[in-house]
Structure formats: C-alpha cells, structure tokens
C-alpha atoms as a PDB file:
ATOM      1  CA  UNK A   1     -17.980 -11.924  44.690  1.00  0.00           C
ATOM      2  CA  UNK A   2     -18.401 -10.538  48.159  1.00  0.00           C
ATOM      3  CA  UNK A   3     -18.147 -12.049  51.584  1.00  0.00           C
ATOM      4  CA  UNK A   4     -21.330 -12.260  53.635  1.00  0.00           C
ATOM      5  CA  UNK A   5     -22.507  -8.771  54.434  1.00  0.00           C
ATOM      6  CA  UNK A   6     -20.525  -7.145  51.649  1.00  0.00           C
ATOM      7  CA  UNK A   7     -22.814  -4.860  49.695  1.00  0.00           C
ATOM      8  CA  UNK A   8     -25.491  -4.951  52.389  1.00  0.00           C
ATOM      9  CA  UNK A   9     -24.499  -1.654  54.018  1.00  0.00           C
ATOM     10  CA  UNK A  10     -22.384  -3.600  56.483  1.00  0.00           C
ATOM     11  CA  UNK A  11     -18.619  -3.189  56.855  1.00  0.00           C
ATOM     12  CA  UNK A  12     -16.448  -5.717  55.102  1.00  0.00           C
ATOM     13  CA  UNK A  13     -15.180  -8.306  57.552  1.00  0.00           C
ATOM     14  CA  UNK A  14     -11.627  -9.528  57.793  1.00  0.00           C
ATOM     15  CA  UNK A  15     -11.183 -12.443  55.467  1.00  0.00           C
ATOM     16  CA  UNK A  16     -13.868 -11.354  53.008  1.00  0.00           C
ATOM     17  CA  UNK A  17     -11.373 -11.626  50.135  1.00  0.00           C
ATOM     18  CA  UNK A  18     -10.532 -15.161  51.277  1.00  0.00           C
ATOM     19  CA  UNK A  19     -14.264 -15.907  51.462  1.00  0.00           C
ATOM     20  CA  UNK A  20     -14.420 -14.853  47.804  1.00  0.00           C
ATOM     21  CA  UNK A  21     -11.509 -17.187  47.062  1.00  0.00           C
ATOM     22  CA  UNK A  22     -13.528 -20.034  48.562  1.00  0.00           C
ATOM     23  CA  UNK A  23     -16.580 -19.053  46.518  1.00  0.00           C
ATOM     24  CA  UNK A  24     -14.581 -19.163  43.318  1.00  0.00           C
ATOM     25  CA  UNK A  25     -12.850 -22.496  44.118  1.00  0.00           C
ATOM     26  CA  UNK A  26     -15.925 -24.417  45.250  1.00  0.00           C
ATOM     27  CA  UNK A  27     -17.347 -24.902  41.720  1.00  0.00           C
ATOM     28  CA  UNK A  28     -13.936 -25.977  40.419  1.00  0.00           C
ATOM     29  CA  UNK A  29     -14.076 -28.948  42.782  1.00  0.00           C
ATOM     30  CA  UNK A  30     -17.697 -29.969  42.357  1.00  0.00           C
ATOM     31  CA  UNK A  31     -18.985 -28.410  39.150  1.00  0.00           C
ATOM     32  CA  UNK A  32     -21.600 -26.100  40.659  1.00  0.00           C
ATOM     33  CA  UNK A  33     -21.618 -22.874  42.693  1.00  0.00           C
ATOM     34  CA  UNK A  34     -21.937 -22.985  46.490  1.00  0.00           C
ATOM     35  CA  UNK A  35     -25.321 -21.269  46.305  1.00  0.00           C
ATOM     36  CA  UNK A  36     -27.823 -20.530  43.569  1.00  0.00           C
ATOM     37  CA  UNK A  37     -30.719 -18.116  43.358  1.00  0.00           C
ATOM     38  CA  UNK A  38     -33.286 -16.871  40.899  1.00  0.00           C
ATOM     39  CA  UNK A  39     -32.363 -13.240  41.550  1.00  0.00           C
ATOM     40  CA  UNK A  40     -29.373 -11.277  42.754  1.00  0.00           C
ATOM     41  CA  UNK A  41     -31.152 -10.540  46.035  1.00  0.00           C
ATOM     42  CA  UNK A  42     -31.895 -14.232  46.628  1.00  0.00           C
ATOM     43  CA  UNK A  43     -28.316 -15.172  45.773  1.00  0.00           C
ATOM     44  CA  UNK A  44     -26.928 -12.546  48.181  1.00  0.00           C
ATOM     45  CA  UNK A  45     -29.262 -13.745  50.942  1.00  0.00           C
ATOM     46  CA  UNK A  46     -28.214 -17.383  50.492  1.00  0.00           C
ATOM     47  CA  UNK A  47     -24.557 -16.389  50.272  1.00  0.00           C
ATOM     48  CA  UNK A  48     -24.805 -14.564  53.603  1.00  0.00           C
ATOM     49  CA  UNK A  49     -27.052 -16.999  55.478  1.00  0.00           C
ATOM     50  CA  UNK A  50     -26.996 -20.550  54.154  1.00  0.00           C
ATOM     51  CA  UNK A  51     -24.087 -22.991  54.207  1.00  0.00           C
ATOM     52  CA  UNK A  52     -23.113 -24.477  50.855  1.00  0.00           C
ATOM     53  CA  UNK A  53     -23.901 -28.123  50.154  1.00  0.00           C
ATOM     54  CA  UNK A  54     -21.278 -30.541  51.452  1.00  0.00           C
ATOM     55  CA  UNK A  55     -18.583 -30.834  48.785  1.00  0.00           C
ATOM     56  CA  UNK A  56     -18.216 -34.554  49.325  1.00  0.00           C
ATOM     57  CA  UNK A  57     -21.888 -35.121  48.570  1.00  0.00           C
ATOM     58  CA  UNK A  58     -21.243 -33.560  45.145  1.00  0.00           C
ATOM     59  CA  UNK A  59     -17.741 -34.971  44.566  1.00  0.00           C
ATOM     60  CA  UNK A  60     -16.740 -37.733  46.996  1.00  0.00           C
ATOM     61  CA  UNK A  61     -13.146 -37.658  45.685  1.00  0.00           C
ATOM     62  CA  UNK A  62     -12.407 -34.253  47.273  1.00  0.00           C
ATOM     63  CA  UNK A  63      -9.805 -34.811  50.022  1.00  0.00           C
ATOM     64  CA  UNK A  64     -11.054 -34.153  53.554  1.00  0.00           C
ATOM     65  CA  UNK A  65      -8.358 -31.503  54.137  1.00  0.00           C
ATOM     66  CA  UNK A  66      -9.541 -29.535  51.103  1.00  0.00           C
ATOM     67  CA  UNK A  67     -13.161 -29.816  52.257  1.00  0.00           C
ATOM     68  CA  UNK A  68     -12.089 -28.475  55.663  1.00  0.00           C
ATOM     69  CA  UNK A  69     -10.173 -25.604  54.023  1.00  0.00           C
ATOM     70  CA  UNK A  70     -13.189 -24.508  51.989  1.00  0.00           C
ATOM     71  CA  UNK A  71     -15.533 -24.874  54.958  1.00  0.00           C
ATOM     72  CA  UNK A  72     -13.280 -22.535  56.916  1.00  0.00           C
ATOM     73  CA  UNK A  73     -12.917 -20.084  54.009  1.00  0.00           C
ATOM     74  CA  UNK A  74     -16.703 -20.026  53.490  1.00  0.00           C
ATOM     75  CA  UNK A  75     -17.658 -19.757  57.163  1.00  0.00           C
ATOM     76  CA  UNK A  76     -20.429 -17.189  57.633  1.00  0.00           C
ATOM     77  CA  UNK A  77     -18.933 -16.111  60.969  1.00  0.00           C
ATOM     78  CA  UNK A  78     -16.026 -13.731  60.196  1.00  0.00           C
ATOM     79  CA  UNK A  79     -14.218 -14.750  63.385  1.00  0.00           C
ATOM     80  CA  UNK A  80     -14.095 -18.380  62.268  1.00  0.00           C
ATOM     81  CA  UNK A  81     -13.094 -17.617  58.687  1.00  0.00           C
ATOM     82  CA  UNK A  82      -9.517 -17.684  57.384  1.00  0.00           C
ATOM     83  CA  UNK A  83      -8.157 -14.264  58.327  1.00  0.00           C
ATOM     84  CA  UNK A  84      -4.818 -13.807  56.580  1.00  0.00           C
ATOM     85  CA  UNK A  85      -3.044 -14.764  53.377  1.00  0.00           C
ATOM     86  CA  UNK A  86      -0.394 -16.540  55.440  1.00  0.00           C
ATOM     87  CA  UNK A  87      -2.942 -18.768  57.165  1.00  0.00           C
ATOM     88  CA  UNK A  88      -4.651 -19.384  53.820  1.00  0.00           C
ATOM     89  CA  UNK A  89      -1.372 -20.453  52.201  1.00  0.00           C
ATOM     90  CA  UNK A  90      -0.481 -22.724  55.150  1.00  0.00           C
ATOM     91  CA  UNK A  91      -3.921 -24.367  55.077  1.00  0.00           C
ATOM     92  CA  UNK A  92      -3.704 -24.905  51.311  1.00  0.00           C
ATOM     93  CA  UNK A  93      -0.215 -26.379  51.588  1.00  0.00           C
ATOM     94  CA  UNK A  94      -1.491 -28.812  54.214  1.00  0.00           C
ATOM     95  CA  UNK A  95      -4.500 -29.752  52.058  1.00  0.00           C
ATOM     96  CA  UNK A  96      -2.369 -30.322  48.964  1.00  0.00           C
ATOM     97  CA  UNK A  97       0.299 -32.209  50.909  1.00  0.00           C
ATOM     98  CA  UNK A  98      -2.221 -34.956  51.578  1.00  0.00           C
ATOM     99  CA  UNK A  99      -3.138 -35.085  47.904  1.00  0.00           C
ATOM    100  CA  UNK A 100       0.526 -35.174  46.853  1.00  0.00           C
ATOM    101  CA  UNK A 101       1.060 -38.183  49.112  1.00  0.00           C
ATOM    102  CA  UNK A 102      -0.792 -40.362  46.633  1.00  0.00           C
ATOM    103  CA  UNK A 103      -4.351 -39.141  46.267  1.00  0.00           C
ATOM    104  CA  UNK A 104      -4.989 -37.198  43.091  1.00  0.00           C
ATOM    105  CA  UNK A 105      -7.026 -34.043  43.453  1.00  0.00           C
ATOM    106  CA  UNK A 106     -10.557 -34.533  42.168  1.00  0.00           C
ATOM    107  CA  UNK A 107     -11.911 -33.265  38.878  1.00  0.00           C
ATOM    108  CA  UNK A 108     -15.596 -32.479  38.478  1.00  0.00           C
ATOM    109  CA  UNK A 109     -17.473 -34.189  35.676  1.00  0.00           C
ATOM    110  CA  UNK A 110     -16.756 -32.534  32.343  1.00  0.00           C
ATOM    111  CA  UNK A 111     -13.490 -30.886  33.461  1.00  0.00           C
ATOM    112  CA  UNK A 112     -10.803 -30.546  30.772  1.00  0.00           C
ATOM    113  CA  UNK A 113      -7.144 -29.540  30.743  1.00  0.00           C
ATOM    114  CA  UNK A 114      -4.652 -29.148  33.543  1.00  0.00           C
ATOM    115  CA  UNK A 115      -3.385 -26.322  35.693  1.00  0.00           C
ATOM    116  CA  UNK A 116      -0.102 -26.359  37.585  1.00  0.00           C
ATOM    117  CA  UNK A 117      -0.120 -24.452  40.879  1.00  0.00           C
ATOM    118  CA  UNK A 118       2.964 -23.815  42.965  1.00  0.00           C
ATOM    119  CA  UNK A 119       2.434 -22.780  46.581  1.00  0.00           C
END
C-alpha cells in the first residue's frame, strides 16, 4: 500500500507510511476497503484523489476520535496528514482513551476473535 502519489513517479511524502497504516486499518473498522476499483490503475487513482466513504456511514459504532484519526491519516494533502510516529501514537492513545472510558471499540459484521493492543 502506498500513500497518494507513491508509485506515480512522484516523491514519497512525509507520512506516507502512516497513510498506509490508515489504509490497512480502515477495513478492520468497517469491513470494506477505503476505495475500490476494477483495475490497479483505477484503484491508484481513487486512492490518490478521492476521499474514502465516511466510516460512520458504514459502522456507526466507530468512536468519533477514531474516525478523526483515520481521516487525518488518510488525508490526501501530505501537509495535513499525520507526520510522525510520535504524533500517530499520541492520536491513537487519545482515540482509544475515549473507548476505554466505557465505549467498546466497534467490530464490523462477521468479525471473529480478539486482538490485544498495548500502546
């Protein structure tokens, strides 16, 4: 998975690895990828140019802080994207803190098993 522009003869932007993190976490929360295409070229175009569907429209149980984290991680503008691992970790801690306060993190339909994550 590449950040927008990656593989398109453009330099990799800061935060492209964190963009990829967002791409890989989005389907865990809602059960479908943030963009779909009939070909690799179409998928790359959508990945670089179109925002993903709102997570809460696909899984209303996703906490607002986690939606905001993924929106920032998946921002098409590199300057508005999460830039460092430290900022990423702080944002995730804040998102999970709200969930730990009494709201369980959502599970997409058909999800099985559990995963423990320590930040």
